[in-house]
Amino acid sequence: MGMWIGRNRKARVTYGFDEIALVPGEITINPAEVDTSFQIPKPDGGVIKLSIPIIASAMDGVTDVKFCIEMGKLGGLGVINLEGVQTRYDDPAEVLDKITKADKDEVTELIQKAYLEPIKPKLISRRIHELKKAGVLAAVSSIPQKAEEFGKIAQDAGADLFIVQSTVSTVRHISTQYKSMELSRFCKEMKIPVIVGNAVTYTVTLELMQCGIAGVLIGVGPGAACTSRGVLGLGVPQVTATVDCAAARDHHHKKTGNYIPIITDGGMSKGGDVCKALACGSDAVMVGSAFARAKEAPGRGNHWGMATPHANLPRGTRIKVGVTGSLKQILFGPATVDDGSQNLVGAITTCMGNVGASTIREFQETEIIIAPSIKTEGKLFQTVQSVGMGTR
């Protein structure tokens, strides 16, 4: 498999969202009658069920308590970053204001300094209590090095879901300078579901699933505000990554009987991208920049990567995405823009209806074609005028 790139070296050809298209089905279904629900398995054998397969990324420009409450009421799930400003500052509004107003040449250094403020365990508990008081699910995220400490705090505070997130996640991590996290033990000790990310390969996804996790985040470097691909040269385009990791999920399911969902994370700003991710085998998607445009988002139309605050090697940047509408508009419409960035759920249900899929599992069987001209064919006037599909 693959093609020669030089003497004695082969490379695989891989694909991103802009290089494929979905083929309409032989039957069609009323979009109002398709089932978009998504389930996350719980350690006790139950499930967390969401009516829509969309999760908002644990990024400080995207989620805070207010945003997550609204997201939960609309049927989705928002995740709080336990290493962000929400757990470092009693009132993060002032620091968020500075970050959003800073000059682009100074903003990375400003973010680095803002994130030097210590994380306060009491604020972890407080944010979770605020979410539970509002009657929505409480989902939180941390890096592996802090997972055991923060996981216990979060669980004791009543969190419903814990996400362990890093640039690249593996079961076998080697270090002589610090103790590596034992994922299997951590999952056994936690009484709430643990989702782990990020991964992009078949083997790693399979090994992660064998540790007792409740889901895998798929994607290295595709996020709008992430610069890992430029800084580190790492990444696999999301279509190929999703297909490979879905194959691992299906193998694990066939072997064990346990269906562990995969969640494509990053690289999707439009409804068409979300539809393609689900059709490629994903059970749900995690989205950042699309939600940073919501009136409820704390970034006020700005969005920055989770690794932007890194003290020695920042792998993210602040981007300005603007405020285009309410969270409800972005999820359910009515859309007032023509670029596909609003009414994401409407895009999913309409696409499912057109390919003849009544559930997400059926949607994953959609015929896919390689189509690098799919977004440009016949769109000359849109491109010249920078409208519709002519915008980026």
Protein backbone atom coordinates (compact mmCIF):
# COMPACT_ATOMS: atom_id res chain seq x y z
CA MET A 1 0.00 0.00 0.00
CA GLY A 2 1.23 3.49 -0.78
CA MET A 3 3.48 4.93 -3.43
CA TRP A 4 7.19 5.57 -3.73
CA ILE A 5 8.31 9.04 -2.61
CA GLY A 6 12.02 8.28 -3.15
CA ARG A 7 14.47 5.41 -3.06
CA ASN A 8 13.43 2.73 -0.53
CA ARG A 9 10.65 4.90 0.95
CA LYS A 10 6.90 4.61 0.46
CA ALA A 11 4.10 6.86 1.70
CA ARG A 12 0.34 6.36 1.88
CA VAL A 13 -2.03 8.65 0.04
CA THR A 14 -4.47 10.13 2.57
CA TYR A 15 -7.55 12.32 2.30
CA GLY A 16 -9.19 15.28 3.97
CA PHE A 17 -12.75 16.60 3.83
CA ASP A 18 -12.25 18.72 0.70
CA GLU A 19 -11.13 15.69 -1.32
CA ILE A 20 -14.19 13.46 -0.94
CA ALA A 21 -17.95 13.59 -1.50
CA LEU A 22 -20.93 11.51 -0.38
CA VAL A 23 -23.05 9.73 -2.97
CA PRO A 24 -26.86 10.17 -2.76
CA GLY A 25 -28.75 6.99 -1.86
CA GLU A 26 -31.12 4.86 -3.89
CA ILE A 27 -33.88 5.72 -1.44
CA THR A 28 -34.43 8.97 0.46
CA ILE A 29 -35.92 9.63 3.89
CA ASN A 30 -37.78 12.58 5.33
CA PRO A 31 -35.06 14.48 7.27
CA ALA A 32 -37.55 15.05 10.11
CA GLU A 33 -37.72 11.29 10.66
CA VAL A 34 -34.03 10.39 11.01
CA ASP A 35 -32.42 9.62 14.37
CA THR A 36 -29.29 11.69 15.15
CA SER A 37 -28.83 10.43 18.71
CA PHE A 38 -25.43 9.43 20.09
CA GLN A 39 -24.54 7.28 23.11
CA ILE A 40 -21.51 7.16 25.41
CA PRO A 41 -21.20 3.93 27.45
CA LYS A 42 -20.97 4.21 31.24
CA PRO A 43 -18.93 1.88 33.51
CA ASP A 44 -22.12 0.62 35.18
CA GLY A 45 -23.54 -0.61 31.89
CA GLY A 46 -25.80 2.38 31.29
CA VAL A 47 -25.31 5.08 28.67
CA ILE A 48 -25.18 8.83 28.36
CA LYS A 49 -27.51 9.67 25.49
CA LEU A 50 -27.34 12.90 23.50
CA SER A 51 -30.02 13.82 20.99
CA ILE A 52 -27.42 15.29 18.61
CA PRO A 53 -23.93 13.91 17.84
CA ILE A 54 -22.09 17.17 18.47
CA ILE A 55 -19.70 18.08 21.31
CA ALA A 56 -18.20 21.53 21.85
CA SER A 57 -14.42 21.52 22.32
CA ALA A 58 -12.85 22.21 25.71
CA MET A 59 -11.30 25.49 24.56
CA ASP A 60 -11.39 28.76 26.49
CA GLY A 61 -12.64 30.76 23.52
CA VAL A 62 -15.50 28.30 23.04
CA THR A 63 -16.84 26.94 26.34
CA ASP A 64 -17.59 28.23 29.80
CA VAL A 65 -20.38 27.36 32.21
CA LYS A 66 -22.93 29.61 30.48
CA PHE A 67 -22.14 28.14 27.06
CA CYS A 68 -22.22 24.53 28.30
CA ILE A 69 -25.58 25.05 29.98
CA GLU A 70 -27.08 26.33 26.73
CA MET A 71 -25.41 23.52 24.76
CA GLY A 72 -26.82 20.94 27.15
CA LYS A 73 -30.33 22.35 26.93
CA LEU A 74 -30.13 22.11 23.13
CA GLY A 75 -29.26 18.40 23.26
CA GLY A 76 -25.50 18.53 22.80
CA LEU A 77 -22.55 18.58 25.18
CA GLY A 78 -20.00 21.24 26.05
CA VAL A 79 -16.70 20.43 27.75
CA ILE A 80 -14.87 22.65 30.27
CA ASN A 81 -11.07 22.80 30.07
CA LEU A 82 -9.82 22.14 33.61
CA GLU A 83 -6.50 23.76 32.74
CA GLY A 84 -7.96 26.91 31.25
CA VAL A 85 -8.98 30.28 32.62
CA GLN A 86 -12.23 28.92 34.08
CA THR A 87 -10.31 27.09 36.80
CA ARG A 88 -7.51 29.64 37.27
CA TYR A 89 -9.61 32.75 37.88
CA ASP A 90 -12.72 33.26 40.02
CA ASP A 91 -13.93 35.70 37.38
CA PRO A 92 -12.16 35.02 34.07
CA ALA A 93 -13.92 37.87 32.24
CA GLU A 94 -11.04 40.33 32.73
CA VAL A 95 -8.34 38.03 31.35
CA LEU A 96 -10.59 36.98 28.46
CA ASP A 97 -11.10 40.65 27.64
CA LYS A 98 -7.34 41.21 27.50
CA ILE A 99 -6.78 38.16 25.28
CA THR A 100 -9.49 39.11 22.81
CA LYS A 101 -8.28 42.73 22.53
CA ALA A 102 -4.51 42.08 22.37
CA ASP A 103 -2.48 42.83 19.24
CA LYS A 104 -1.76 39.71 17.20
CA ASP A 105 2.00 40.15 17.71
CA GLU A 106 1.60 40.13 21.49
CA VAL A 107 -1.30 37.77 22.09
CA THR A 108 0.63 34.48 22.38
CA GLU A 109 2.92 35.88 25.09
CA LEU A 110 -0.09 37.36 26.87
CA ILE A 111 -1.88 34.00 26.83
CA GLN A 112 1.25 32.27 28.16
CA LYS A 113 1.41 34.71 31.09
CA ALA A 114 -2.33 34.45 31.80
CA TYR A 115 -2.06 30.67 32.08
CA LEU A 116 0.73 30.89 34.66
CA GLU A 117 -1.92 31.53 37.32
CA PRO A 118 -2.25 28.30 39.34
CA ILE A 119 -5.24 26.03 38.83
CA LYS A 120 -7.52 26.12 41.88
CA PRO A 121 -9.17 22.80 42.85
CA LYS A 122 -12.09 24.71 44.42
CA LEU A 123 -12.85 26.23 41.02
CA ILE A 124 -12.95 22.78 39.41
CA SER A 125 -15.64 21.79 41.89
CA ARG A 126 -17.43 25.12 41.56
CA ARG A 127 -17.72 24.95 37.76
CA ILE A 128 -19.09 21.40 37.94
CA HIS A 129 -21.58 22.37 40.64
CA GLU A 130 -22.75 25.30 38.49
CA LEU A 131 -23.41 22.95 35.57
CA LYS A 132 -25.23 20.37 37.70
CA LYS A 133 -27.33 23.06 39.35
CA ALA A 134 -28.54 24.06 35.89
CA GLY A 135 -29.62 20.48 35.22
CA VAL A 136 -27.18 19.64 32.41
CA LEU A 137 -24.39 17.11 32.00
CA ALA A 138 -21.00 18.16 33.37
CA ALA A 139 -18.08 17.17 31.11
CA VAL A 140 -14.50 18.25 31.80
CA SER A 141 -11.07 17.75 30.24
CA SER A 142 -7.42 17.64 31.32
CA ILE A 143 -4.03 16.46 30.06
CA PRO A 144 -2.78 12.98 31.12
CA GLN A 145 -0.29 14.37 33.66
CA LYS A 146 -3.14 15.95 35.65
CA ALA A 147 -5.84 13.37 34.98
CA GLU A 148 -5.52 11.36 38.20
CA GLU A 149 -5.54 14.45 40.41
CA PHE A 150 -8.28 16.32 38.57
CA GLY A 151 -10.28 13.19 37.79
CA LYS A 152 -10.90 12.49 41.47
CA ILE A 153 -11.85 16.11 42.17
CA ALA A 154 -14.20 16.19 39.19
CA GLN A 155 -15.81 12.86 40.05
CA ASP A 156 -16.35 13.84 43.67
CA ALA A 157 -17.92 17.11 42.51
CA GLY A 158 -20.47 15.21 40.41
CA ALA A 159 -19.00 15.31 36.90
CA ASP A 160 -20.69 13.01 34.38
CA LEU A 161 -17.79 12.60 31.93
CA PHE A 162 -14.01 13.00 32.03
CA ILE A 163 -11.84 13.54 28.95
CA VAL A 164 -8.09 12.92 28.93
CA GLN A 165 -6.73 14.96 26.06
CA SER A 166 -3.26 15.51 24.61
CA THR A 167 -1.72 16.30 21.23
CA VAL A 168 -1.02 12.58 20.70
CA SER A 169 -2.40 9.85 22.96
CA THR A 170 -0.93 6.36 23.33
CA VAL A 171 -1.15 3.56 25.87
CA ARG A 172 2.60 2.98 25.83
CA HIS A 173 4.35 6.21 26.83
CA ILE A 174 8.06 6.05 27.75
CA SER A 175 9.68 8.51 30.14
CA THR A 176 12.46 8.36 32.70
CA GLN A 177 11.69 11.86 34.04
CA TYR A 178 8.15 11.30 35.28
CA LYS A 179 5.67 8.51 35.92
CA SER A 180 3.42 7.77 32.97
CA MET A 181 -0.31 7.54 33.43
CA GLU A 182 -1.63 3.96 33.66
CA LEU A 183 -4.76 4.32 31.55
CA SER A 184 -6.29 0.91 32.36
CA ARG A 185 -5.98 1.50 36.10
CA PHE A 186 -7.33 5.04 35.79
CA CYS A 187 -10.41 3.86 33.89
CA LYS A 188 -11.07 1.13 36.47
CA GLU A 189 -10.82 3.61 39.34
CA MET A 190 -13.12 6.15 37.72
CA LYS A 191 -16.84 5.60 38.21
CA ILE A 192 -17.70 7.90 35.30
CA PRO A 193 -16.95 7.42 31.58
CA VAL A 194 -13.44 8.34 30.41
CA ILE A 195 -12.87 9.50 26.84
CA VAL A 196 -9.29 9.69 25.56
CA GLY A 197 -7.69 11.58 22.67
CA ASN A 198 -6.21 12.33 20.40
CA ALA A 199 -5.40 9.45 18.05
CA VAL A 200 -5.28 8.97 14.27
CA THR A 201 -4.19 5.36 13.70
CA TYR A 202 -5.82 1.93 13.76
CA THR A 203 -3.37 0.31 16.20
CA VAL A 204 -3.37 3.10 18.78
CA THR A 205 -7.18 3.34 18.72
CA LEU A 206 -7.44 -0.40 19.28
CA GLU A 207 -4.98 -0.32 22.19
CA LEU A 208 -6.81 2.61 23.80
CA MET A 209 -10.12 0.77 23.56
CA GLN A 210 -8.63 -2.28 25.25
CA CYS A 211 -8.00 -0.12 28.34
CA GLY A 212 -11.70 0.29 29.12
CA ILE A 213 -12.27 3.80 27.80
CA ALA A 214 -15.70 5.13 26.77
CA GLY A 215 -14.63 6.85 23.54
CA VAL A 216 -11.71 8.06 21.43
CA LEU A 217 -11.16 11.55 20.00
CA ILE A 218 -9.80 11.39 16.45
CA GLY A 219 -7.53 14.07 15.01
CA VAL A 220 -4.03 15.50 15.35
CA GLY A 221 -3.60 19.09 14.22
CA PRO A 222 -6.70 19.82 12.08
CA GLY A 223 -8.25 22.44 14.35
CA ALA A 224 -8.66 25.96 13.01
CA ALA A 225 -6.54 27.46 15.80
CA CYS A 226 -4.06 24.58 16.09
CA THR A 227 -0.54 24.93 14.65
CA SER A 228 0.79 21.45 15.51
CA ARG A 229 1.05 20.47 11.85
CA GLY A 230 3.27 23.45 11.14
CA VAL A 231 5.27 23.36 14.37
CA LEU A 232 5.74 19.58 14.61
CA GLY A 233 4.90 18.30 11.12
CA LEU A 234 2.46 15.80 12.68
CA GLY A 235 -0.98 14.84 11.49
CA VAL A 236 -3.18 12.64 9.31
CA PRO A 237 -6.01 14.21 7.25
CA GLN A 238 -9.33 13.67 9.01
CA VAL A 239 -11.07 11.48 6.43
CA THR A 240 -8.32 8.87 6.46
CA ALA A 241 -7.86 9.12 10.24
CA THR A 242 -11.59 8.64 10.84
CA VAL A 243 -11.88 5.66 8.47
CA ASP A 244 -8.84 3.93 10.00
CA CYS A 245 -10.00 4.47 13.57
CA ALA A 246 -13.55 3.39 12.73
CA ALA A 247 -12.10 0.12 11.47
CA ALA A 248 -10.41 -0.34 14.86
CA ARG A 249 -13.70 0.36 16.65
CA ASP A 250 -15.51 -2.20 14.51
CA HIS A 251 -12.80 -4.83 15.10
CA HIS A 252 -12.96 -4.21 18.85
CA HIS A 253 -16.75 -4.48 18.78
CA LYS A 254 -16.69 -7.73 16.84
CA LYS A 255 -14.08 -9.24 19.18
CA THR A 256 -15.46 -8.07 22.54
CA GLY A 257 -19.09 -7.08 21.97
CA ASN A 258 -18.33 -3.60 23.35
CA TYR A 259 -19.08 -0.72 21.02
CA ILE A 260 -16.74 2.18 21.84
CA PRO A 261 -17.63 5.34 19.90
CA ILE A 262 -15.09 7.42 18.02
CA ILE A 263 -15.44 11.20 17.86
CA THR A 264 -13.82 13.13 15.02
CA ASP A 265 -12.22 16.17 16.64
CA GLY A 266 -11.30 19.25 14.62
CA GLY A 267 -11.17 20.44 11.04
CA MET A 268 -14.94 20.90 10.66
CA SER A 269 -16.32 24.41 10.35
CA LYS A 270 -19.19 23.70 7.95
CA GLY A 271 -22.15 21.34 7.94
CA GLY A 272 -20.74 19.42 4.97
CA ASP A 273 -17.56 18.60 6.89
CA VAL A 274 -19.58 17.29 9.84
CA CYS A 275 -21.67 15.12 7.50
CA LYS A 276 -18.54 13.71 5.86
CA ALA A 277 -16.97 12.89 9.24
CA LEU A 278 -20.05 10.92 10.31
CA ALA A 279 -20.31 9.15 6.95
CA CYS A 280 -16.64 8.15 7.20
CA GLY A 281 -17.42 6.22 10.37
CA SER A 282 -17.47 8.68 13.22
CA ASP A 283 -20.19 8.36 15.88
CA ALA A 284 -20.06 12.05 16.79
CA VAL A 285 -17.96 15.14 16.19
CA MET A 286 -16.15 17.61 18.43
CA VAL A 287 -16.25 21.15 17.09
CA GLY A 288 -14.47 24.34 18.17
CA SER A 289 -14.29 27.21 15.70
CA ALA A 290 -17.91 26.87 14.54
CA PHE A 291 -19.08 27.42 18.14
CA ALA A 292 -16.58 30.22 18.78
CA ARG A 293 -18.85 32.25 16.48
CA ALA A 294 -21.78 31.94 18.89
CA LYS A 295 -23.00 34.89 20.96
CA GLU A 296 -22.74 32.68 24.05
CA ALA A 297 -19.06 31.78 23.48
CA PRO A 298 -16.66 33.41 25.98
CA GLY A 299 -14.08 34.28 23.30
CA ARG A 300 -16.28 37.04 21.85
CA GLY A 301 -15.64 35.95 18.30
CA ASN A 302 -12.06 34.80 19.00
CA HIS A 303 -10.71 31.29 19.23
CA TRP A 304 -7.32 29.94 20.35
CA GLY A 305 -5.78 26.48 20.48
CA MET A 306 -5.40 24.47 23.68
CA ALA A 307 -1.61 24.34 23.24
CA THR A 308 -1.24 28.09 22.68
CA PRO A 309 -0.24 28.71 26.35
CA HIS A 310 2.64 26.19 26.25
CA ALA A 311 5.63 27.87 27.86
CA ASN A 312 8.34 26.54 25.51
CA LEU A 313 6.65 25.44 22.27
CA PRO A 314 3.21 26.99 21.61
CA ARG A 315 1.23 24.96 19.09
CA GLY A 316 -1.79 27.15 18.67
CA THR A 317 -2.76 30.69 17.82
CA ARG A 318 -5.63 33.11 18.35
CA ILE A 319 -7.85 33.53 15.32
CA LYS A 320 -10.72 35.95 14.84
CA VAL A 321 -13.86 34.15 13.62
CA GLY A 322 -16.42 36.83 14.45
CA VAL A 323 -19.84 36.48 16.07
CA THR A 324 -22.44 35.35 13.54
CA GLY A 325 -25.42 34.26 15.62
CA SER A 326 -26.71 32.43 18.66
CA LEU A 327 -25.71 28.90 19.58
CA LYS A 328 -29.23 27.78 18.70
CA GLN A 329 -28.82 29.25 15.21
CA ILE A 330 -25.50 27.51 14.70
CA LEU A 331 -26.99 24.18 15.75
CA PHE A 332 -30.56 24.38 14.46
CA GLY A 333 -30.93 27.55 12.39
CA PRO A 334 -32.58 29.39 10.88
CA ALA A 335 -29.34 30.07 9.03
CA THR A 336 -28.75 33.66 8.00
CA VAL A 337 -25.47 32.88 6.21
CA ASP A 338 -24.97 30.78 3.08
CA ASP A 339 -21.63 29.13 3.85
CA GLY A 340 -22.83 26.14 5.89
CA SER A 341 -21.57 27.41 9.25
CA GLN A 342 -25.09 27.57 10.73
CA ASN A 343 -27.79 24.91 11.21
CA LEU A 344 -25.30 22.07 11.56
CA VAL A 345 -27.99 19.65 12.76
CA GLY A 346 -30.17 20.57 9.80
CA ALA A 347 -27.25 19.72 7.52
CA ILE A 348 -26.86 16.32 9.21
CA THR A 349 -30.54 15.40 9.01
CA THR A 350 -30.88 16.59 5.41
CA CYS A 351 -27.78 14.70 4.31
CA MET A 352 -28.92 11.55 6.15
CA GLY A 353 -32.25 11.80 4.39
CA ASN A 354 -30.62 12.19 0.99
CA VAL A 355 -28.35 9.16 1.39
CA GLY A 356 -31.19 7.08 2.84
CA ALA A 357 -29.80 6.68 6.36
CA SER A 358 -32.24 6.62 9.27
CA THR A 359 -29.56 6.40 12.00
CA ILE A 360 -25.93 7.43 12.46
CA ARG A 361 -24.88 3.78 12.20
CA GLU A 362 -26.59 3.56 8.80
CA PHE A 363 -25.05 6.91 7.82
CA GLN A 364 -21.61 5.33 8.36
CA GLU A 365 -22.30 2.99 5.44
CA THR A 366 -22.72 5.82 2.92
CA GLU A 367 -20.86 5.44 -0.39
CA ILE A 368 -17.87 7.79 -0.53
CA ILE A 369 -16.04 8.96 -3.65
CA ILE A 370 -12.72 10.75 -4.13
CA ALA A 371 -13.74 14.12 -5.56
CA PRO A 372 -11.09 16.86 -5.32
CA SER A 373 -13.17 19.20 -7.50
CA ILE A 374 -16.39 18.78 -5.52
CA LYS A 375 -16.21 22.25 -3.95
CA THR A 376 -15.09 24.13 -7.08
CA GLU A 377 -16.98 22.48 -9.95
CA GLY A 378 -19.39 25.03 -11.44
CA LYS A 379 -18.65 27.53 -8.64
CA LEU A 380 -16.63 30.12 -10.61
CA PHE A 381 -18.93 33.05 -9.84
CA GLN A 382 -19.08 32.17 -6.14
CA THR A 383 -15.29 32.04 -6.01
CA VAL A 384 -14.79 35.32 -7.86
CA GLN A 385 -17.35 37.09 -5.69
CA SER A 386 -16.26 35.38 -2.42
CA VAL A 387 -19.77 34.23 -1.56
CA GLY A 388 -21.27 30.84 -0.68
CA MET A 389 -18.78 28.07 -1.45
CA GLY A 390 -16.33 30.67 -2.72
CA THR A 391 -15.52 31.66 0.87
CA ARG A 392 -13.01 29.86 3.07
